[in-house]
Amino acid sequence: MTTTAEITLTNEVGLHARPAATFVRRAAAFQSTIRVRRDDREADASSLLQVLKLEAGHGATIVIEADGEDEEDAVVELLELLRTLT
């Protein structure tokens, strides 16, 4: 089964530089395979370069998709992290 959630980025810079690095570190800690989508682009959430290539700035809507034994925890924690990033 796969757990999916959508979020609009409200922090000032979106998923760029420092916020993206924080997101990737947290995503890599889970056992599940985690993907992030923005429009027609998709990235492995554990790859900083791929996440940066999404160009997900302030106001962008992204989809987080996790598949694995801790998928629900992964999506919940990553959503919370994105809500609190500055």
Protein backbone atom coordinates (compact mmCIF):
# COMPACT_ATOMS: atom_id res chain seq x y z
CA MET A 1 0.00 0.00 0.00
CA THR A 2 1.10 3.59 -0.56
CA THR A 3 0.43 6.64 1.60
CA THR A 4 0.13 9.97 -0.20
CA ALA A 5 -0.43 13.56 0.93
CA GLU A 6 -0.42 16.97 -0.72
CA ILE A 7 0.88 20.21 0.80
CA THR A 8 1.38 23.78 -0.35
CA LEU A 9 4.73 25.19 0.76
CA THR A 10 4.23 28.29 2.88
CA ASN A 11 7.77 29.00 4.05
CA GLU A 12 9.56 31.89 2.38
CA VAL A 13 11.85 29.89 0.07
CA GLY A 14 10.04 26.57 -0.34
CA LEU A 15 12.24 23.50 -0.76
CA HIS A 16 15.49 25.25 -1.59
CA ALA A 17 18.97 25.01 -0.03
CA ARG A 18 18.75 24.61 3.75
CA PRO A 19 15.06 23.57 3.99
CA ALA A 20 15.59 20.98 1.25
CA ALA A 21 18.65 19.56 3.03
CA THR A 22 16.65 19.24 6.27
CA PHE A 23 13.80 17.54 4.40
CA VAL A 24 16.15 15.09 2.64
CA ARG A 25 17.93 14.13 5.87
CA ARG A 26 14.62 13.39 7.55
CA ALA A 27 13.25 11.47 4.55
CA ALA A 28 16.39 9.33 4.35
CA ALA A 29 15.87 8.17 7.96
CA PHE A 30 12.76 6.17 7.01
CA GLN A 31 12.78 2.65 5.65
CA SER A 32 10.03 3.40 3.15
CA THR A 33 10.70 4.56 -0.38
CA ILE A 34 9.63 8.21 -0.48
CA ARG A 35 8.97 10.20 -3.64
CA VAL A 36 8.07 13.88 -4.02
CA ARG A 37 6.14 15.23 -7.01
CA ARG A 38 5.56 18.74 -8.26
CA ASP A 39 3.50 19.06 -11.42
CA ASP A 40 5.15 16.66 -13.91
CA ARG A 41 8.45 16.37 -12.00
CA GLU A 42 9.28 13.60 -9.55
CA ALA A 43 12.18 13.17 -7.11
CA ASP A 44 13.58 10.61 -4.72
CA ALA A 45 13.10 12.33 -1.35
CA SER A 46 16.49 11.10 -0.14
CA SER A 47 18.35 12.88 -2.98
CA LEU A 48 19.11 16.56 -2.37
CA LEU A 49 19.89 17.19 -6.03
CA GLN A 50 16.63 15.63 -7.19
CA VAL A 51 14.59 17.55 -4.62
CA LEU A 52 16.24 20.83 -5.64
CA LYS A 53 15.45 20.08 -9.30
CA LEU A 54 11.74 20.14 -8.42
CA GLU A 55 12.10 23.94 -8.12
CA ALA A 56 9.40 23.89 -5.43
CA GLY A 57 9.41 27.48 -4.22
CA HIS A 58 7.05 29.39 -1.94
CA GLY A 59 3.44 28.59 -2.85
CA ALA A 60 4.26 25.41 -4.79
CA THR A 61 2.07 22.40 -4.16
CA ILE A 62 3.88 19.10 -3.80
CA VAL A 63 2.79 15.52 -3.26
CA ILE A 64 4.65 13.22 -0.88
CA GLU A 65 4.28 9.52 -1.58
CA ALA A 66 5.69 6.81 0.68
CA ASP A 67 5.68 3.06 0.23
CA GLY A 68 6.98 0.68 2.89
CA GLU A 69 6.55 -0.47 6.46
CA ASP A 70 6.78 3.03 8.01
CA GLU A 71 5.03 4.91 5.19
CA GLU A 72 2.29 6.49 7.31
CA ASP A 73 4.77 7.77 9.90
CA ALA A 74 7.01 9.07 7.14
CA VAL A 75 4.27 11.10 5.47
CA VAL A 76 2.94 12.51 8.75
CA GLU A 77 6.40 13.54 9.97
CA LEU A 78 7.47 15.03 6.63
CA LEU A 79 4.26 17.06 6.38
CA GLU A 80 4.81 18.40 9.89
CA LEU A 81 8.41 19.25 9.04
CA LEU A 82 7.33 21.16 5.92
CA ARG A 83 4.76 23.10 7.94
CA THR A 84 7.44 24.24 10.39
CA LEU A 85 10.40 24.93 8.06
CA THR A 86 11.54 28.53 7.89
